[in-house]
Amino acid sequence: MLFVSGIISIRFFHIFLSTFTMTKLMEWLLGLSLIGVLWSIVTFDLLDLRISDQYLQVAWPLPIYLLVAFGCYSLAVVGYRVATFNDCETAAKELQEQIQEAKRDLQKKGLHF
């Protein structure tokens, strides 16, 4: 019986998600709320799981560890993207030409720089 209800709930979940497109924000919020719910269940022993004190000592500061890990990951991604940023010299020249053209056009219309 549990297996059948599991299959039905998986199908419902698949149909529910296929009708909506999730933005990145919604994906992050869903993930954070799932982690928060699991952390609350373990930390406050809401399901009477009788978890040993060793595991509870690890579970209490887990959100802080995850926040620090996320910060390190974000810093690494930003650093990598800055280090591998490509210079577009042709686009820069084209942009400078467009700026000069716009200045000439504005000077013809009476605006002086």
PDB file of N, CA and C in Angstrom:
ATOM      1  N   MET A   1       0.818  -1.193   0.000  1.00  0.00           N
ATOM      2  CA  MET A   1       0.000   0.000   0.000  1.00  0.00           C
ATOM      3  C   MET A   1       0.866   1.263   0.000  1.00  0.00           C
ATOM      4  N   LEU A   2       1.935   1.230   0.802  1.00  0.00           N
ATOM      5  CA  LEU A   2       2.828   2.387   0.865  1.00  0.00           C
ATOM      6  C   LEU A   2       3.520   2.612  -0.476  1.00  0.00           C
ATOM      7  N   PHE A   3       3.882   1.504  -1.150  1.00  0.00           N
ATOM      8  CA  PHE A   3       4.545   1.597  -2.450  1.00  0.00           C
ATOM      9  C   PHE A   3       3.624   2.242  -3.480  1.00  0.00           C
ATOM     10  N   VAL A   4       2.347   1.854  -3.488  1.00  0.00           N
ATOM     11  CA  VAL A   4       1.384   2.399  -4.445  1.00  0.00           C
ATOM     12  C   VAL A   4       1.159   3.889  -4.186  1.00  0.00           C
ATOM     13  N   SER A   5       1.037   4.270  -2.922  1.00  0.00           N
ATOM     14  CA  SER A   5       0.837   5.690  -2.636  1.00  0.00           C
ATOM     15  C   SER A   5       2.082   6.494  -2.978  1.00  0.00           C
ATOM     16  N   GLY A   6       3.262   5.867  -2.844  1.00  0.00           N
ATOM     17  CA  GLY A   6       4.499   6.537  -3.235  1.00  0.00           C
ATOM     18  C   GLY A   6       4.538   6.796  -4.728  1.00  0.00           C
ATOM     19  N   ILE A   7       4.116   5.820  -5.517  1.00  0.00           N
ATOM     20  CA  ILE A   7       4.088   5.983  -6.978  1.00  0.00           C
ATOM     21  C   ILE A   7       3.083   7.059  -7.374  1.00  0.00           C
ATOM     22  N   ILE A   8       1.927   7.058  -6.721  1.00  0.00           N
ATOM     23  CA  ILE A   8       0.911   8.071  -7.030  1.00  0.00           C
ATOM     24  C   ILE A   8       1.432   9.456  -6.682  1.00  0.00           C
ATOM     25  N   SER A   9       2.086   9.590  -5.532  1.00  0.00           N
ATOM     26  CA  SER A   9       2.590  10.905  -5.159  1.00  0.00           C
ATOM     27  C   SER A   9       3.720  11.352  -6.077  1.00  0.00           C
ATOM     28  N   ILE A  10       4.550  10.421  -6.551  1.00  0.00           N
ATOM     29  CA  ILE A  10       5.617  10.772  -7.495  1.00  0.00           C
ATOM     30  C   ILE A  10       5.011  11.237  -8.806  1.00  0.00           C
ATOM     31  N   ARG A  11       3.968  10.555  -9.291  1.00  0.00           N
ATOM     32  CA  ARG A  11       3.322  10.969 -10.532  1.00  0.00           C
ATOM     33  C   ARG A  11       2.662  12.334 -10.371  1.00  0.00           C
ATOM     34  N   PHE A  12       2.002  12.555  -9.230  1.00  0.00           N
ATOM     35  CA  PHE A  12       1.385  13.857  -8.980  1.00  0.00           C
ATOM     36  C   PHE A  12       2.446  14.946  -8.958  1.00  0.00           C
ATOM     37  N   PHE A  13       3.562  14.675  -8.288  1.00  0.00           N
ATOM     38  CA  PHE A  13       4.647  15.643  -8.192  1.00  0.00           C
ATOM     39  C   PHE A  13       5.211  15.942  -9.576  1.00  0.00           C
ATOM     40  N   HIS A  14       5.364  14.913 -10.422  1.00  0.00           N
ATOM     41  CA  HIS A  14       5.875  15.106 -11.781  1.00  0.00           C
ATOM     42  C   HIS A  14       4.895  15.935 -12.606  1.00  0.00           C
ATOM     43  N   ILE A  15       3.612  15.647 -12.517  1.00  0.00           N
ATOM     44  CA  ILE A  15       2.604  16.415 -13.262  1.00  0.00           C
ATOM     45  C   ILE A  15       2.568  17.851 -12.749  1.00  0.00           C
ATOM     46  N   PHE A  16       2.658  18.012 -11.432  1.00  0.00           N
ATOM     47  CA  PHE A  16       2.639  19.348 -10.842  1.00  0.00           C
ATOM     48  C   PHE A  16       3.819  20.177 -11.314  1.00  0.00           C
ATOM     49  N   LEU A  17       5.018  19.583 -11.343  1.00  0.00           N
ATOM     50  CA  LEU A  17       6.203  20.325 -11.753  1.00  0.00           C
ATOM     51  C   LEU A  17       6.260  20.549 -13.257  1.00  0.00           C
ATOM     52  N   SER A  18       5.685  19.649 -14.046  1.00  0.00           N
ATOM     53  CA  SER A  18       5.762  19.816 -15.495  1.00  0.00           C
ATOM     54  C   SER A  18       4.852  20.938 -15.982  1.00  0.00           C
ATOM     55  N   THR A  19       3.845  21.312 -15.198  1.00  0.00           N
ATOM     56  CA  THR A  19       2.965  22.399 -15.627  1.00  0.00           C
ATOM     57  C   THR A  19       3.540  23.767 -15.276  1.00  0.00           C
ATOM     58  N   PHE A  20       4.471  23.833 -14.329  1.00  0.00           N
ATOM     59  CA  PHE A  20       5.064  25.100 -13.915  1.00  0.00           C
ATOM     60  C   PHE A  20       6.538  25.125 -14.264  1.00  0.00           C
ATOM     61  N   THR A  21       6.986  26.278 -14.712  1.00  0.00           N
ATOM     62  CA  THR A  21       8.421  26.440 -14.909  1.00  0.00           C
ATOM     63  C   THR A  21       8.969  27.169 -13.698  1.00  0.00           C
ATOM     64  N   MET A  22       9.977  26.577 -13.098  1.00  0.00           N
ATOM     65  CA  MET A  22      10.552  27.152 -11.892  1.00  0.00           C
ATOM     66  C   MET A  22      11.713  28.059 -12.262  1.00  0.00           C
ATOM     67  N   THR A  23      11.729  29.223 -11.660  1.00  0.00           N
ATOM     68  CA  THR A  23      12.867  30.110 -11.831  1.00  0.00           C
ATOM     69  C   THR A  23      13.980  29.644 -10.907  1.00  0.00           C
ATOM     70  N   LYS A  24      15.163  30.188 -11.095  1.00  0.00           N
ATOM     71  CA  LYS A  24      16.285  29.828 -10.231  1.00  0.00           C
ATOM     72  C   LYS A  24      15.979  30.175  -8.779  1.00  0.00           C
ATOM     73  N   LEU A  25      15.307  31.301  -8.573  1.00  0.00           N
ATOM     74  CA  LEU A  25      14.955  31.688  -7.214  1.00  0.00           C
ATOM     75  C   LEU A  25      14.060  30.636  -6.572  1.00  0.00           C
ATOM     76  N   MET A  26      13.078  30.161  -7.310  1.00  0.00           N
ATOM     77  CA  MET A  26      12.170  29.155  -6.758  1.00  0.00           C
ATOM     78  C   MET A  26      12.908  27.843  -6.484  1.00  0.00           C
ATOM     79  N   GLU A  27      13.857  27.476  -7.345  1.00  0.00           N
ATOM     80  CA  GLU A  27      14.641  26.269  -7.104  1.00  0.00           C
ATOM     81  C   GLU A  27      15.456  26.403  -5.820  1.00  0.00           C
ATOM     82  N   TRP A  28      16.096  27.562  -5.635  1.00  0.00           N
ATOM     83  CA  TRP A  28      16.895  27.786  -4.428  1.00  0.00           C
ATOM     84  C   TRP A  28      16.017  27.798  -3.186  1.00  0.00           C
ATOM     85  N   LEU A  29      14.861  28.461  -3.270  1.00  0.00           N
ATOM     86  CA  LEU A  29      13.967  28.508  -2.119  1.00  0.00           C
ATOM     87  C   LEU A  29      13.431  27.125  -1.771  1.00  0.00           C
ATOM     88  N   LEU A  30      13.118  26.323  -2.781  1.00  0.00           N
ATOM     89  CA  LEU A  30      12.659  24.960  -2.533  1.00  0.00           C
ATOM     90  C   LEU A  30      13.749  24.140  -1.859  1.00  0.00           C
ATOM     91  N   GLY A  31      14.966  24.239  -2.374  1.00  0.00           N
ATOM     92  CA  GLY A  31      16.071  23.501  -1.781  1.00  0.00           C
ATOM     93  C   GLY A  31      16.355  23.929  -0.358  1.00  0.00           C
ATOM     94  N   LEU A  32      16.363  25.245  -0.115  1.00  0.00           N
ATOM     95  CA  LEU A  32      16.615  25.753   1.234  1.00  0.00           C
ATOM     96  C   LEU A  32      15.511  25.356   2.203  1.00  0.00           C
ATOM     97  N   SER A  33      14.270  25.377   1.733  1.00  0.00           N
ATOM     98  CA  SER A  33      13.191  24.983   2.639  1.00  0.00           C
ATOM     99  C   SER A  33      13.226  23.491   2.939  1.00  0.00           C
ATOM    100  N   LEU A  34      13.600  22.672   1.970  1.00  0.00           N
ATOM    101  CA  LEU A  34      13.737  21.239   2.256  1.00  0.00           C
ATOM    102  C   LEU A  34      14.853  20.983   3.256  1.00  0.00           C
ATOM    103  N   ILE A  35      15.978  21.659   3.069  1.00  0.00           N
ATOM    104  CA  ILE A  35      17.080  21.516   4.025  1.00  0.00           C
ATOM    105  C   ILE A  35      16.649  22.023   5.398  1.00  0.00           C
ATOM    106  N   GLY A  36      15.924  23.138   5.440  1.00  0.00           N
ATOM    107  CA  GLY A  36      15.451  23.682   6.711  1.00  0.00           C
ATOM    108  C   GLY A  36      14.486  22.757   7.440  1.00  0.00           C
ATOM    109  N   VAL A  37      13.596  22.132   6.672  1.00  0.00           N
ATOM    110  CA  VAL A  37      12.647  21.202   7.282  1.00  0.00           C
ATOM    111  C   VAL A  37      13.383  19.982   7.829  1.00  0.00           C
ATOM    112  N   LEU A  38      14.297  19.430   7.044  1.00  0.00           N
ATOM    113  CA  LEU A  38      15.062  18.269   7.520  1.00  0.00           C
ATOM    114  C   LEU A  38      15.903  18.630   8.743  1.00  0.00           C
ATOM    115  N   TRP A  39      16.510  19.809   8.725  1.00  0.00           N
ATOM    116  CA  TRP A  39      17.310  20.243   9.869  1.00  0.00           C
ATOM    117  C   TRP A  39      16.435  20.395  11.117  1.00  0.00           C
ATOM    118  N   SER A  40      15.248  20.968  10.945  1.00  0.00           N
ATOM    119  CA  SER A  40      14.334  21.142  12.077  1.00  0.00           C
ATOM    120  C   SER A  40      13.884  19.803  12.642  1.00  0.00           C
ATOM    121  N   ILE A  41      13.589  18.859  11.762  1.00  0.00           N
ATOM    122  CA  ILE A  41      13.153  17.536  12.211  1.00  0.00           C
ATOM    123  C   ILE A  41      14.251  16.862  13.022  1.00  0.00           C
ATOM    124  N   VAL A  42      15.475  16.942  12.523  1.00  0.00           N
ATOM    125  CA  VAL A  42      16.586  16.286  13.222  1.00  0.00           C
ATOM    126  C   VAL A  42      16.950  17.030  14.496  1.00  0.00           C
ATOM    127  N   THR A  43      17.064  18.344  14.423  1.00  0.00           N
ATOM    128  CA  THR A  43      17.536  19.127  15.563  1.00  0.00           C
ATOM    129  C   THR A  43      16.537  19.143  16.719  1.00  0.00           C
ATOM    130  N   PHE A  44      15.276  19.329  16.420  1.00  0.00           N
ATOM    131  CA  PHE A  44      14.276  19.427  17.472  1.00  0.00           C
ATOM    132  C   PHE A  44      13.590  18.095  17.749  1.00  0.00           C
ATOM    133  N   ASP A  45      14.041  17.038  17.086  1.00  0.00           N
ATOM    134  CA  ASP A  45      13.532  15.670  17.280  1.00  0.00           C
ATOM    135  C   ASP A  45      12.002  15.630  17.170  1.00  0.00           C
ATOM    136  N   LEU A  46      11.493  16.182  16.089  1.00  0.00           N
ATOM    137  CA  LEU A  46      10.054  16.282  15.893  1.00  0.00           C
ATOM    138  C   LEU A  46       9.388  14.947  15.619  1.00  0.00           C
ATOM    139  N   LEU A  47      10.124  13.990  15.081  1.00  0.00           N
ATOM    140  CA  LEU A  47       9.553  12.682  14.766  1.00  0.00           C
ATOM    141  C   LEU A  47       9.968  11.614  15.768  1.00  0.00           C
ATOM    142  N   ASP A  48      10.534  12.034  16.890  1.00  0.00           N
ATOM    143  CA  ASP A  48      10.988  11.122  17.936  1.00  0.00           C
ATOM    144  C   ASP A  48      11.907  10.041  17.356  1.00  0.00           C
ATOM    145  N   LEU A  49      12.971  10.510  16.695  1.00  0.00           N
ATOM    146  CA  LEU A  49      13.911   9.597  16.048  1.00  0.00           C
ATOM    147  C   LEU A  49      14.969   9.048  17.011  1.00  0.00           C
ATOM    148  N   ARG A  50      15.072   9.632  18.179  1.00  0.00           N
ATOM    149  CA  ARG A  50      16.049   9.225  19.191  1.00  0.00           C
ATOM    150  C   ARG A  50      17.470   9.248  18.624  1.00  0.00           C
ATOM    151  N   ILE A  51      17.839  10.408  18.141  1.00  0.00           N
ATOM    152  CA  ILE A  51      19.166  10.590  17.552  1.00  0.00           C
ATOM    153  C   ILE A  51      20.163  10.823  18.678  1.00  0.00           C
ATOM    154  N   SER A  52      21.345  10.228  18.540  1.00  0.00           N
ATOM    155  CA  SER A  52      22.350  10.350  19.602  1.00  0.00           C
ATOM    156  C   SER A  52      22.889  11.774  19.669  1.00  0.00           C
ATOM    157  N   ASP A  53      23.491  12.099  20.801  1.00  0.00           N
ATOM    158  CA  ASP A  53      24.022  13.445  21.022  1.00  0.00           C
ATOM    159  C   ASP A  53      25.152  13.786  20.059  1.00  0.00           C
ATOM    160  N   GLN A  54      25.907  12.779  19.616  1.00  0.00           N
ATOM    161  CA  GLN A  54      26.991  13.042  18.671  1.00  0.00           C
ATOM    162  C   GLN A  54      26.443  13.632  17.372  1.00  0.00           C
ATOM    163  N   TYR A  55      25.371  13.077  16.879  1.00  0.00           N
ATOM    164  CA  TYR A  55      24.777  13.582  15.640  1.00  0.00           C
ATOM    165  C   TYR A  55      24.116  14.942  15.853  1.00  0.00           C
ATOM    166  N   LEU A  56      23.527  15.149  17.020  1.00  0.00           N
ATOM    167  CA  LEU A  56      22.912  16.439  17.304  1.00  0.00           C
ATOM    168  C   LEU A  56      23.957  17.551  17.392  1.00  0.00           C
ATOM    169  N   GLN A  57      25.143  17.220  17.902  1.00  0.00           N
ATOM    170  CA  GLN A  57      26.214  18.211  17.966  1.00  0.00           C
ATOM    171  C   GLN A  57      26.683  18.614  16.574  1.00  0.00           C
ATOM    172  N   VAL A  58      26.548  17.725  15.630  1.00  0.00           N
ATOM    173  CA  VAL A  58      26.886  18.060  14.238  1.00  0.00           C
ATOM    174  C   VAL A  58      25.725  18.806  13.581  1.00  0.00           C
ATOM    175  N   ALA A  59      24.503  18.444  13.923  1.00  0.00           N
ATOM    176  CA  ALA A  59      23.328  19.025  13.269  1.00  0.00           C
ATOM    177  C   ALA A  59      23.082  20.470  13.693  1.00  0.00           C
ATOM    178  N   TRP A  60      23.363  20.839  14.938  1.00  0.00           N
ATOM    179  CA  TRP A  60      23.079  22.198  15.395  1.00  0.00           C
ATOM    180  C   TRP A  60      23.783  23.252  14.557  1.00  0.00           C
ATOM    181  N   PRO A  61      25.102  23.186  14.352  1.00  0.00           N
ATOM    182  CA  PRO A  61      25.756  24.262  13.582  1.00  0.00           C
ATOM    183  C   PRO A  61      25.733  24.041  12.064  1.00  0.00           C
ATOM    184  N   LEU A  62      25.012  23.044  11.596  1.00  0.00           N
ATOM    185  CA  LEU A  62      25.000  22.730  10.165  1.00  0.00           C
ATOM    186  C   LEU A  62      24.603  23.915   9.280  1.00  0.00           C
ATOM    187  N   PRO A  63      23.586  24.726   9.613  1.00  0.00           N
ATOM    188  CA  PRO A  63      23.265  25.878   8.758  1.00  0.00           C
ATOM    189  C   PRO A  63      24.424  26.858   8.619  1.00  0.00           C
ATOM    190  N   ILE A  64      25.184  27.042   9.682  1.00  0.00           N
ATOM    191  CA  ILE A  64      26.332  27.948   9.611  1.00  0.00           C
ATOM    192  C   ILE A  64      27.394  27.363   8.690  1.00  0.00           C
ATOM    193  N   TYR A  65      27.652  26.051   8.806  1.00  0.00           N
ATOM    194  CA  TYR A  65      28.618  25.398   7.918  1.00  0.00           C
ATOM    195  C   TYR A  65      28.188  25.526   6.456  1.00  0.00           C
ATOM    196  N   LEU A  66      26.906  25.327   6.210  1.00  0.00           N
ATOM    197  CA  LEU A  66      26.407  25.434   4.833  1.00  0.00           C
ATOM    198  C   LEU A  66      26.513  26.860   4.313  1.00  0.00           C
ATOM    199  N   LEU A  67      26.263  27.835   5.169  1.00  0.00           N
ATOM    200  CA  LEU A  67      26.384  29.236   4.758  1.00  0.00           C
ATOM    201  C   LEU A  67      27.829  29.589   4.429  1.00  0.00           C
ATOM    202  N   VAL A  68      28.758  29.127   5.242  1.00  0.00           N
ATOM    203  CA  VAL A  68      30.183  29.379   4.976  1.00  0.00           C
ATOM    204  C   VAL A  68      30.611  28.673   3.692  1.00  0.00           C
ATOM    205  N   ALA A  69      30.161  27.437   3.498  1.00  0.00           N
ATOM    206  CA  ALA A  69      30.503  26.700   2.281  1.00  0.00           C
ATOM    207  C   ALA A  69      29.934  27.397   1.047  1.00  0.00           C
ATOM    208  N   PHE A  70      28.701  27.900   1.144  1.00  0.00           N
ATOM    209  CA  PHE A  70      28.102  28.621   0.026  1.00  0.00           C
ATOM    210  C   PHE A  70      28.873  29.902  -0.275  1.00  0.00           C
ATOM    211  N   GLY A  71      29.311  30.602   0.762  1.00  0.00           N
ATOM    212  CA  GLY A  71      30.107  31.809   0.568  1.00  0.00           C
ATOM    213  C   GLY A  71      31.428  31.511  -0.115  1.00  0.00           C
ATOM    214  N   CYS A  72      32.094  30.431   0.307  1.00  0.00           N
ATOM    215  CA  CYS A  72      33.362  30.039  -0.322  1.00  0.00           C
ATOM    216  C   CYS A  72      33.147  29.656  -1.783  1.00  0.00           C
ATOM    217  N   TYR A  73      32.081  28.914  -2.043  1.00  0.00           N
ATOM    218  CA  TYR A  73      31.768  28.522  -3.419  1.00  0.00           C
ATOM    219  C   TYR A  73      31.501  29.758  -4.278  1.00  0.00           C
ATOM    220  N   SER A  74      30.714  30.695  -3.750  1.00  0.00           N
ATOM    221  CA  SER A  74      30.395  31.908  -4.506  1.00  0.00           C
ATOM    222  C   SER A  74      31.650  32.716  -4.795  1.00  0.00           C
ATOM    223  N   LEU A  75      32.517  32.830  -3.807  1.00  0.00           N
ATOM    224  CA  LEU A  75      33.773  33.557  -3.999  1.00  0.00           C
ATOM    225  C   LEU A  75      34.637  32.885  -5.058  1.00  0.00           C
ATOM    226  N   ALA A  76      34.689  31.555  -5.030  1.00  0.00           N
ATOM    227  CA  ALA A  76      35.480  30.829  -6.015  1.00  0.00           C
ATOM    228  C   ALA A  76      34.910  31.012  -7.418  1.00  0.00           C
ATOM    229  N   VAL A  77      33.597  30.964  -7.558  1.00  0.00           N
ATOM    230  CA  VAL A  77      32.969  31.129  -8.878  1.00  0.00           C
ATOM    231  C   VAL A  77      33.227  32.532  -9.421  1.00  0.00           C
ATOM    232  N   VAL A  78      33.049  33.542  -8.578  1.00  0.00           N
ATOM    233  CA  VAL A  78      33.292  34.916  -9.024  1.00  0.00           C
ATOM    234  C   VAL A  78      34.764  35.095  -9.405  1.00  0.00           C
ATOM    235  N   GLY A  79      35.673  34.575  -8.592  1.00  0.00           N
ATOM    236  CA  GLY A  79      37.099  34.666  -8.906  1.00  0.00           C
ATOM    237  C   GLY A  79      37.453  33.975 -10.203  1.00  0.00           C
ATOM    238  N   TYR A  80      36.888  32.803 -10.426  1.00  0.00           N
ATOM    239  CA  TYR A  80      37.155  32.065 -11.662  1.00  0.00           C
ATOM    240  C   TYR A  80      36.612  32.825 -12.871  1.00  0.00           C
ATOM    241  N   ARG A  81      35.396  33.353 -12.743  1.00  0.00           N
ATOM    242  CA  ARG A  81      34.800  34.084 -13.865  1.00  0.00           C
ATOM    243  C   ARG A  81      35.581  35.361 -14.178  1.00  0.00           C
ATOM    244  N   VAL A  82      36.084  36.031 -13.159  1.00  0.00           N
ATOM    245  CA  VAL A  82      36.893  37.226 -13.394  1.00  0.00           C
ATOM    246  C   VAL A  82      38.213  36.850 -14.050  1.00  0.00           C
ATOM    247  N   ALA A  83      38.818  35.755 -13.594  1.00  0.00           N
ATOM    248  CA  ALA A  83      40.112  35.331 -14.139  1.00  0.00           C
ATOM    249  C   ALA A  83      39.994  34.873 -15.586  1.00  0.00           C
ATOM    250  N   THR A  84      38.875  34.301 -15.968  1.00  0.00           N
ATOM    251  CA  THR A  84      38.724  33.779 -17.330  1.00  0.00           C
ATOM    252  C   THR A  84      37.878  34.683 -18.212  1.00  0.00           C
ATOM    253  N   PHE A  85      37.687  35.928 -17.789  1.00  0.00           N
ATOM    254  CA  PHE A  85      36.884  36.868 -18.574  1.00  0.00           C
ATOM    255  C   PHE A  85      37.614  37.202 -19.866  1.00  0.00           C
ATOM    256  N   ASN A  86      36.920  37.102 -20.975  1.00  0.00           N
ATOM    257  CA  ASN A  86      37.518  37.381 -22.276  1.00  0.00           C
ATOM    258  C   ASN A  86      37.379  38.855 -22.633  1.00  0.00           C
ATOM    259  N   ASP A  87      38.472  39.436 -23.122  1.00  0.00           N
ATOM    260  CA  ASP A  87      38.415  40.799 -23.631  1.00  0.00           C
ATOM    261  C   ASP A  87      37.930  40.755 -25.074  1.00  0.00           C
ATOM    262  N   CYS A  88      36.991  41.587 -25.377  1.00  0.00           N
ATOM    263  CA  CYS A  88      36.442  41.648 -26.730  1.00  0.00           C
ATOM    264  C   CYS A  88      36.951  42.934 -27.376  1.00  0.00           C
ATOM    265  N   GLU A  89      38.139  42.861 -27.967  1.00  0.00           N
ATOM    266  CA  GLU A  89      38.754  44.058 -28.526  1.00  0.00           C
ATOM    267  C   GLU A  89      37.973  44.590 -29.715  1.00  0.00           C
ATOM    268  N   THR A  90      37.446  43.711 -30.540  1.00  0.00           N
ATOM    269  CA  THR A  90      36.687  44.184 -31.707  1.00  0.00           C
ATOM    270  C   THR A  90      35.400  44.863 -31.260  1.00  0.00           C
ATOM    271  N   ALA A  91      34.760  44.317 -30.237  1.00  0.00           N
ATOM    272  CA  ALA A  91      33.535  44.940 -29.740  1.00  0.00           C
ATOM    273  C   ALA A  91      33.856  46.284 -29.091  1.00  0.00           C
ATOM    274  N   ALA A  92      34.996  46.392 -28.419  1.00  0.00           N
ATOM    275  CA  ALA A  92      35.388  47.660 -27.799  1.00  0.00           C
ATOM    276  C   ALA A  92      35.647  48.717 -28.871  1.00  0.00           C
ATOM    277  N   LYS A  93      36.331  48.343 -29.962  1.00  0.00           N
ATOM    278  CA  LYS A  93      36.561  49.286 -31.057  1.00  0.00           C
ATOM    279  C   LYS A  93      35.243  49.729 -31.691  1.00  0.00           C
ATOM    280  N   GLU A  94      34.345  48.776 -31.898  1.00  0.00           N
ATOM    281  CA  GLU A  94      33.044  49.088 -32.491  1.00  0.00           C
ATOM    282  C   GLU A  94      32.255  50.030 -31.582  1.00  0.00           C
ATOM    283  N   LEU A  95      32.322  49.798 -30.284  1.00  0.00           N
ATOM    284  CA  LEU A  95      31.627  50.667 -29.343  1.00  0.00           C
ATOM    285  C   LEU A  95      32.221  52.075 -29.353  1.00  0.00           C
ATOM    286  N   GLN A  96      33.545  52.191 -29.430  1.00  0.00           N
ATOM    287  CA  GLN A  96      34.192  53.508 -29.500  1.00  0.00           C
ATOM    288  C   GLN A  96      33.779  54.251 -30.773  1.00  0.00           C
ATOM    289  N   GLU A  97      33.689  53.514 -31.890  1.00  0.00           N
ATOM    290  CA  GLU A  97      33.252  54.140 -33.138  1.00  0.00           C
ATOM    291  C   GLU A  97      31.817  54.637 -33.024  1.00  0.00           C
ATOM    292  N   GLN A  98      30.959  53.861 -32.379  1.00  0.00           N
ATOM    293  CA  GLN A  98      29.568  54.272 -32.207  1.00  0.00           C
ATOM    294  C   GLN A  98      29.473  55.495 -31.297  1.00  0.00           C
ATOM    295  N   ILE A  99      30.314  55.549 -30.282  1.00  0.00           N
ATOM    296  CA  ILE A  99      30.328  56.712 -29.382  1.00  0.00           C
ATOM    297  C   ILE A  99      30.758  57.959 -30.153  1.00  0.00           C
ATOM    298  N   GLN A 100      31.809  57.827 -30.964  1.00  0.00           N
ATOM    299  CA  GLN A 100      32.269  58.973 -31.762  1.00  0.00           C
ATOM    300  C   GLN A 100      31.205  59.410 -32.756  1.00  0.00           C
ATOM    301  N   GLU A 101      30.536  58.455 -33.373  1.00  0.00           N
ATOM    302  CA  GLU A 101      29.469  58.769 -34.318  1.00  0.00           C
ATOM    303  C   GLU A 101      28.327  59.497 -33.611  1.00  0.00           C
ATOM    304  N   ALA A 102      27.980  59.041 -32.399  1.00  0.00           N
ATOM    305  CA  ALA A 102      26.907  59.700 -31.648  1.00  0.00           C
ATOM    306  C   ALA A 102      27.318  61.117 -31.259  1.00  0.00           C
ATOM    307  N   LYS A 103      28.587  61.308 -30.892  1.00  0.00           N
ATOM    308  CA  LYS A 103      29.068  62.655 -30.550  1.00  0.00           C
ATOM    309  C   LYS A 103      28.974  63.583 -31.750  1.00  0.00           C
ATOM    310  N   ARG A 104      29.414  63.086 -32.925  1.00  0.00           N
ATOM    311  CA  ARG A 104      29.338  63.913 -34.140  1.00  0.00           C
ATOM    312  C   ARG A 104      27.889  64.263 -34.458  1.00  0.00           C
ATOM    313  N   ASP A 105      27.006  63.310 -34.307  1.00  0.00           N
ATOM    314  CA  ASP A 105      25.594  63.545 -34.587  1.00  0.00           C
ATOM    315  C   ASP A 105      25.006  64.578 -33.631  1.00  0.00           C
ATOM    316  N   LEU A 106      25.381  64.474 -32.359  1.00  0.00           N
ATOM    317  CA  LEU A 106      24.878  65.444 -31.380  1.00  0.00           C
ATOM    318  C   LEU A 106      25.475  66.828 -31.603  1.00  0.00           C
ATOM    319  N   GLN A 107      26.745  66.897 -32.057  1.00  0.00           N
ATOM    320  CA  GLN A 107      27.349  68.195 -32.346  1.00  0.00           C
ATOM    321  C   GLN A 107      26.653  68.854 -33.525  1.00  0.00           C
ATOM    322  N   LYS A 108      26.241  68.049 -34.511  1.00  0.00           N
ATOM    323  CA  LYS A 108      25.508  68.604 -35.655  1.00  0.00           C
ATOM    324  C   LYS A 108      24.168  69.184 -35.199  1.00  0.00           C
ATOM    325  N   LYS A 109      23.606  68.628 -34.151  1.00  0.00           N
ATOM    326  CA  LYS A 109      22.305  69.087 -33.656  1.00  0.00           C
ATOM    327  C   LYS A 109      22.451  70.228 -32.652  1.00  0.00           C
ATOM    328  N   GLY A 110      23.696  70.661 -32.400  1.00  0.00           N
ATOM    329  CA  GLY A 110      23.904  71.843 -31.571  1.00  0.00           C
ATOM    330  C   GLY A 110      24.379  71.554 -30.155  1.00  0.00           C
ATOM    331  N   LEU A 111      24.641  70.329 -29.784  1.00  0.00           N
ATOM    332  CA  LEU A 111      25.133  70.027 -28.449  1.00  0.00           C
ATOM    333  C   LEU A 111      26.657  70.033 -28.477  1.00  0.00           C
ATOM    334  N   HIS A 112      27.269  70.771 -27.535  1.00  0.00           N
ATOM    335  CA  HIS A 112      28.724  70.867 -27.496  1.00  0.00           C
ATOM    336  C   HIS A 112      29.243  70.187 -26.245  1.00  0.00           C
ATOM    337  N   PHE A 113      30.353  69.475 -26.386  1.00  0.00           N
ATOM    338  CA  PHE A 113      30.960  68.740 -25.250  1.00  0.00           C
ATOM    339  C   PHE A 113      32.096  69.521 -24.669  1.00  0.00           C
TER     340      PHE A 113
END
